Amino acid sequence: MTSAFRIATRQDAPLILRFITELARYEKSEDQVIATEQLLVEHLFDRKGAEVLFALDGDGREVGFALFFHNFSTWLGRSGLYLEDLFVLPEERGNGYGKALLGQLARIAVERGCGRMEWWCLDWNEPAIGFYRSIGAVPQNEWTTFRLTGDALENLAAE
């Protein structure tokens, strides 16, 4: 395993979409992916809404990705790094790429002065939960996640 990484460029939109789709398939939610290459270019690169980091194998092939952006903690008074997606190709799992991606994200967070790094994990994903605990991550069980989408989002916006 190598610890080589690269930040995605707009030309990577097809590859990013492939990783997103493969992650959604793993999470049994492939039918919910409505992202397109054009949407990714617009929101990741034109609007700079998030960044993508690729993990590379020894041949320079992308074997994993992390999509992340900055949030803000009012209590800490500074930004945090939010990891939206972390995915390693199934045939490459167990080779250290996931931990390497998280380590690189931690370095980015520290370099940028972030106060913390956060992400969500599905309750049923025991392998991921075990992995995250092994690196010192602590679940935040006292918080409930709320989501507003679709008609509910549109209705509230129209009020």
C-alpha atoms as a PDB file:
ATOM      1  CA  MET A   1       0.000   0.000   0.000  1.00  0.00           C
ATOM      2  CA  THR A   2       1.219   3.448  -0.866  1.00  0.00           C
ATOM      3  CA  SER A   3       0.262   6.693   0.795  1.00  0.00           C
ATOM      4  CA  ALA A   4      -0.171   8.621  -2.437  1.00  0.00           C
ATOM      5  CA  PHE A   5      -3.094  10.969  -2.826  1.00  0.00           C
ATOM      6  CA  ARG A   6      -4.399  13.528  -5.236  1.00  0.00           C
ATOM      7  CA  ILE A   7      -7.128  16.150  -5.146  1.00  0.00           C
ATOM      8  CA  ALA A   8      -9.772  15.723  -7.843  1.00  0.00           C
ATOM      9  CA  THR A   9     -10.150  18.089 -10.755  1.00  0.00           C
ATOM     10  CA  ARG A  10     -13.218  18.789 -12.878  1.00  0.00           C
ATOM     11  CA  GLN A  11     -12.055  16.148 -15.365  1.00  0.00           C
ATOM     12  CA  ASP A  12     -12.565  13.562 -12.608  1.00  0.00           C
ATOM     13  CA  ALA A  13     -16.358  14.031 -12.524  1.00  0.00           C
ATOM     14  CA  PRO A  14     -17.023  10.627 -14.205  1.00  0.00           C
ATOM     15  CA  LEU A  15     -14.720   8.865 -11.729  1.00  0.00           C
ATOM     16  CA  ILE A  16     -16.244  10.683  -8.754  1.00  0.00           C
ATOM     17  CA  LEU A  17     -19.716   9.684  -9.916  1.00  0.00           C
ATOM     18  CA  ARG A  18     -18.553   6.075 -10.272  1.00  0.00           C
ATOM     19  CA  PHE A  19     -17.261   6.046  -6.675  1.00  0.00           C
ATOM     20  CA  ILE A  20     -20.485   7.670  -5.427  1.00  0.00           C
ATOM     21  CA  THR A  21     -22.558   5.047  -7.244  1.00  0.00           C
ATOM     22  CA  GLU A  22     -20.449   2.191  -5.898  1.00  0.00           C
ATOM     23  CA  LEU A  23     -20.773   3.566  -2.364  1.00  0.00           C
ATOM     24  CA  ALA A  24     -24.545   3.869  -2.787  1.00  0.00           C
ATOM     25  CA  ARG A  25     -24.671   0.270  -4.037  1.00  0.00           C
ATOM     26  CA  TYR A  26     -22.763  -0.853  -0.921  1.00  0.00           C
ATOM     27  CA  GLU A  27     -25.219   1.102   1.243  1.00  0.00           C
ATOM     28  CA  LYS A  28     -28.179  -0.481  -0.584  1.00  0.00           C
ATOM     29  CA  SER A  29     -29.278   2.950  -1.843  1.00  0.00           C
ATOM     30  CA  GLU A  30     -28.155   3.046  -5.470  1.00  0.00           C
ATOM     31  CA  ASP A  31     -31.664   4.036  -6.588  1.00  0.00           C
ATOM     32  CA  GLN A  32     -31.321   7.284  -4.601  1.00  0.00           C
ATOM     33  CA  VAL A  33     -28.344   8.608  -6.566  1.00  0.00           C
ATOM     34  CA  ILE A  34     -29.539  11.428  -8.807  1.00  0.00           C
ATOM     35  CA  ALA A  35     -26.149  13.136  -9.112  1.00  0.00           C
ATOM     36  CA  THR A  36     -24.796  13.630 -12.614  1.00  0.00           C
ATOM     37  CA  GLU A  37     -21.372  14.537 -13.895  1.00  0.00           C
ATOM     38  CA  GLN A  38     -22.683  18.011 -14.715  1.00  0.00           C
ATOM     39  CA  LEU A  39     -24.049  18.534 -11.194  1.00  0.00           C
ATOM     40  CA  LEU A  40     -20.747  17.410  -9.707  1.00  0.00           C
ATOM     41  CA  VAL A  41     -18.774  19.814 -11.891  1.00  0.00           C
ATOM     42  CA  GLU A  42     -21.101  22.673 -10.969  1.00  0.00           C
ATOM     43  CA  HIS A  43     -21.192  22.079  -7.226  1.00  0.00           C
ATOM     44  CA  LEU A  44     -17.701  20.704  -6.572  1.00  0.00           C
ATOM     45  CA  PHE A  45     -15.646  22.834  -8.915  1.00  0.00           C
ATOM     46  CA  ASP A  46     -17.622  25.872 -10.068  1.00  0.00           C
ATOM     47  CA  ARG A  47     -19.234  26.611  -6.694  1.00  0.00           C
ATOM     48  CA  LYS A  48     -16.412  24.949  -4.707  1.00  0.00           C
ATOM     49  CA  GLY A  49     -18.942  23.308  -2.400  1.00  0.00           C
ATOM     50  CA  ALA A  50     -16.755  20.344  -1.507  1.00  0.00           C
ATOM     51  CA  GLU A  51     -13.461  18.659  -2.325  1.00  0.00           C
ATOM     52  CA  VAL A  52     -12.541  15.118  -3.301  1.00  0.00           C
ATOM     53  CA  LEU A  53      -9.378  13.315  -2.280  1.00  0.00           C
ATOM     54  CA  PHE A  54      -8.324  10.115  -4.055  1.00  0.00           C
ATOM     55  CA  ALA A  55      -6.110   7.390  -2.625  1.00  0.00           C
ATOM     56  CA  LEU A  56      -3.795   5.922  -5.246  1.00  0.00           C
ATOM     57  CA  ASP A  57      -2.267   2.471  -5.425  1.00  0.00           C
ATOM     58  CA  GLY A  58       1.365   1.862  -6.414  1.00  0.00           C
ATOM     59  CA  ASP A  59       0.454   2.160 -10.092  1.00  0.00           C
ATOM     60  CA  GLY A  60      -1.289   5.523  -9.594  1.00  0.00           C
ATOM     61  CA  ARG A  61      -4.772   4.021  -9.953  1.00  0.00           C
ATOM     62  CA  GLU A  62      -7.555   5.566  -7.844  1.00  0.00           C
ATOM     63  CA  VAL A  63      -8.648   2.921  -5.319  1.00  0.00           C
ATOM     64  CA  GLY A  64     -10.554   5.040  -2.815  1.00  0.00           C
ATOM     65  CA  PHE A  65     -12.037   8.464  -2.348  1.00  0.00           C
ATOM     66  CA  ALA A  66     -13.147  10.881   0.315  1.00  0.00           C
ATOM     67  CA  LEU A  67     -15.560  13.735  -0.372  1.00  0.00           C
ATOM     68  CA  PHE A  68     -15.342  16.456   2.270  1.00  0.00           C
ATOM     69  CA  PHE A  69     -16.159  20.086   2.998  1.00  0.00           C
ATOM     70  CA  HIS A  70     -15.856  22.600   5.801  1.00  0.00           C
ATOM     71  CA  ASN A  71     -18.533  23.226   8.387  1.00  0.00           C
ATOM     72  CA  PHE A  72     -18.362  25.618  11.308  1.00  0.00           C
ATOM     73  CA  SER A  73     -18.493  25.101  15.058  1.00  0.00           C
ATOM     74  CA  THR A  74     -19.840  28.086  16.929  1.00  0.00           C
ATOM     75  CA  TRP A  75     -18.609  26.608  20.189  1.00  0.00           C
ATOM     76  CA  LEU A  76     -15.054  26.175  18.904  1.00  0.00           C
ATOM     77  CA  GLY A  77     -15.204  29.406  16.922  1.00  0.00           C
ATOM     78  CA  ARG A  78     -13.614  27.806  13.882  1.00  0.00           C
ATOM     79  CA  SER A  79     -14.201  25.501  10.968  1.00  0.00           C
ATOM     80  CA  GLY A  80     -14.330  21.763  11.076  1.00  0.00           C
ATOM     81  CA  LEU A  81     -13.841  19.222   8.332  1.00  0.00           C
ATOM     82  CA  TYR A  82     -16.926  17.178   7.482  1.00  0.00           C
ATOM     83  CA  LEU A  83     -16.407  13.887   5.686  1.00  0.00           C
ATOM     84  CA  GLU A  84     -19.464  13.212   3.534  1.00  0.00           C
ATOM     85  CA  ASP A  85     -18.266  10.020   1.838  1.00  0.00           C
ATOM     86  CA  LEU A  86     -15.406   7.589   2.310  1.00  0.00           C
ATOM     87  CA  PHE A  87     -15.168   4.614  -0.018  1.00  0.00           C
ATOM     88  CA  VAL A  88     -12.489   2.096  -0.943  1.00  0.00           C
ATOM     89  CA  LEU A  89     -12.977  -0.349  -3.799  1.00  0.00           C
ATOM     90  CA  PRO A  90     -14.057  -3.732  -2.387  1.00  0.00           C
ATOM     91  CA  GLU A  91     -11.036  -5.551  -3.805  1.00  0.00           C
ATOM     92  CA  GLU A  92      -8.718  -3.042  -2.089  1.00  0.00           C
ATOM     93  CA  ARG A  93     -10.249  -3.144   1.396  1.00  0.00           C
ATOM     94  CA  GLY A  94      -7.965  -4.316   4.147  1.00  0.00           C
ATOM     95  CA  ASN A  95      -4.904  -2.775   2.476  1.00  0.00           C
ATOM     96  CA  GLY A  96      -4.887   0.381   4.602  1.00  0.00           C
ATOM     97  CA  TYR A  97      -6.357   2.822   2.075  1.00  0.00           C
ATOM     98  CA  GLY A  98      -9.280   3.837   4.298  1.00  0.00           C
ATOM     99  CA  LYS A  99      -7.006   4.626   7.214  1.00  0.00           C
ATOM    100  CA  ALA A 100      -4.595   6.421   4.893  1.00  0.00           C
ATOM    101  CA  LEU A 101      -7.423   8.584   3.518  1.00  0.00           C
ATOM    102  CA  LEU A 102      -8.583   9.468   7.031  1.00  0.00           C
ATOM    103  CA  GLY A 103      -5.011  10.247   8.030  1.00  0.00           C
ATOM    104  CA  GLN A 104      -4.579  12.556   5.062  1.00  0.00           C
ATOM    105  CA  LEU A 105      -7.889  14.258   5.852  1.00  0.00           C
ATOM    106  CA  ALA A 106      -6.734  14.717   9.448  1.00  0.00           C
ATOM    107  CA  ARG A 107      -3.537  16.348   8.155  1.00  0.00           C
ATOM    108  CA  ILE A 108      -5.607  18.660   5.923  1.00  0.00           C
ATOM    109  CA  ALA A 109      -7.844  19.539   8.890  1.00  0.00           C
ATOM    110  CA  VAL A 110      -4.859  20.328  11.114  1.00  0.00           C
ATOM    111  CA  GLU A 111      -3.109  22.347   8.363  1.00  0.00           C
ATOM    112  CA  ARG A 112      -6.276  24.388   7.815  1.00  0.00           C
ATOM    113  CA  GLY A 113      -6.777  25.061  11.532  1.00  0.00           C
ATOM    114  CA  CYS A 114      -9.933  22.969  11.864  1.00  0.00           C
ATOM    115  CA  GLY A 115     -11.146  22.206  15.361  1.00  0.00           C
ATOM    116  CA  ARG A 116     -12.530  18.767  14.544  1.00  0.00           C
ATOM    117  CA  MET A 117     -13.361  16.222  11.899  1.00  0.00           C
ATOM    118  CA  GLU A 118     -16.804  14.615  11.753  1.00  0.00           C
ATOM    119  CA  TRP A 119     -18.821  12.164   9.685  1.00  0.00           C
ATOM    120  CA  TRP A 120     -21.883   9.965   9.815  1.00  0.00           C
ATOM    121  CA  CYS A 121     -21.980   6.185   9.636  1.00  0.00           C
ATOM    122  CA  LEU A 122     -24.976   3.949   9.056  1.00  0.00           C
ATOM    123  CA  ASP A 123     -25.980   2.073  12.218  1.00  0.00           C
ATOM    124  CA  TRP A 124     -25.828  -1.316  10.468  1.00  0.00           C
ATOM    125  CA  ASN A 125     -22.301  -0.811   9.105  1.00  0.00           C
ATOM    126  CA  GLU A 126     -20.509  -2.668  11.887  1.00  0.00           C
ATOM    127  CA  PRO A 127     -17.211  -3.087   9.966  1.00  0.00           C
ATOM    128  CA  ALA A 128     -16.967   0.685   9.514  1.00  0.00           C
ATOM    129  CA  ILE A 129     -18.007   1.398  13.104  1.00  0.00           C
ATOM    130  CA  GLY A 130     -15.336  -0.967  14.387  1.00  0.00           C
ATOM    131  CA  PHE A 131     -12.748   0.613  12.120  1.00  0.00           C
ATOM    132  CA  TYR A 132     -13.653   4.150  13.206  1.00  0.00           C
ATOM    133  CA  ARG A 133     -13.499   3.203  16.869  1.00  0.00           C
ATOM    134  CA  SER A 134     -10.072   1.600  16.283  1.00  0.00           C
ATOM    135  CA  ILE A 135      -8.621   4.954  15.197  1.00  0.00           C
ATOM    136  CA  GLY A 136     -10.066   6.780  18.203  1.00  0.00           C
ATOM    137  CA  ALA A 137     -13.290   8.175  16.712  1.00  0.00           C
ATOM    138  CA  VAL A 138     -16.144   8.488  19.193  1.00  0.00           C
ATOM    139  CA  PRO A 139     -19.818   8.111  18.207  1.00  0.00           C
ATOM    140  CA  GLN A 140     -22.038  11.055  19.113  1.00  0.00           C
ATOM    141  CA  ASN A 141     -25.111   9.214  20.363  1.00  0.00           C
ATOM    142  CA  GLU A 142     -26.664  12.224  22.085  1.00  0.00           C
ATOM    143  CA  TRP A 143     -27.520  13.934  18.772  1.00  0.00           C
ATOM    144  CA  THR A 144     -30.400  13.145  16.439  1.00  0.00           C
ATOM    145  CA  THR A 145     -29.933  13.893  12.764  1.00  0.00           C
ATOM    146  CA  PHE A 146     -32.772  15.728  11.044  1.00  0.00           C
ATOM    147  CA  ARG A 147     -33.198  16.085   7.295  1.00  0.00           C
ATOM    148  CA  LEU A 148     -35.431  18.311   5.214  1.00  0.00           C
ATOM    149  CA  THR A 149     -35.690  17.378   1.517  1.00  0.00           C
ATOM    150  CA  GLY A 150     -38.028  17.362  -1.451  1.00  0.00           C
ATOM    151  CA  ASP A 151     -41.496  18.793  -0.952  1.00  0.00           C
ATOM    152  CA  ALA A 152     -40.892  19.525   2.740  1.00  0.00           C
ATOM    153  CA  LEU A 153     -37.869  21.663   1.859  1.00  0.00           C
ATOM    154  CA  GLU A 154     -39.713  23.412  -0.961  1.00  0.00           C
ATOM    155  CA  ASN A 155     -42.801  24.035   1.221  1.00  0.00           C
ATOM    156  CA  LEU A 156     -40.774  25.573   4.035  1.00  0.00           C
ATOM    157  CA  ALA A 157     -38.854  27.736   1.585  1.00  0.00           C
ATOM    158  CA  ALA A 158     -42.138  28.990   0.121  1.00  0.00           C
ATOM    159  CA  GLU A 159     -43.606  30.041   3.503  1.00  0.00           C
END
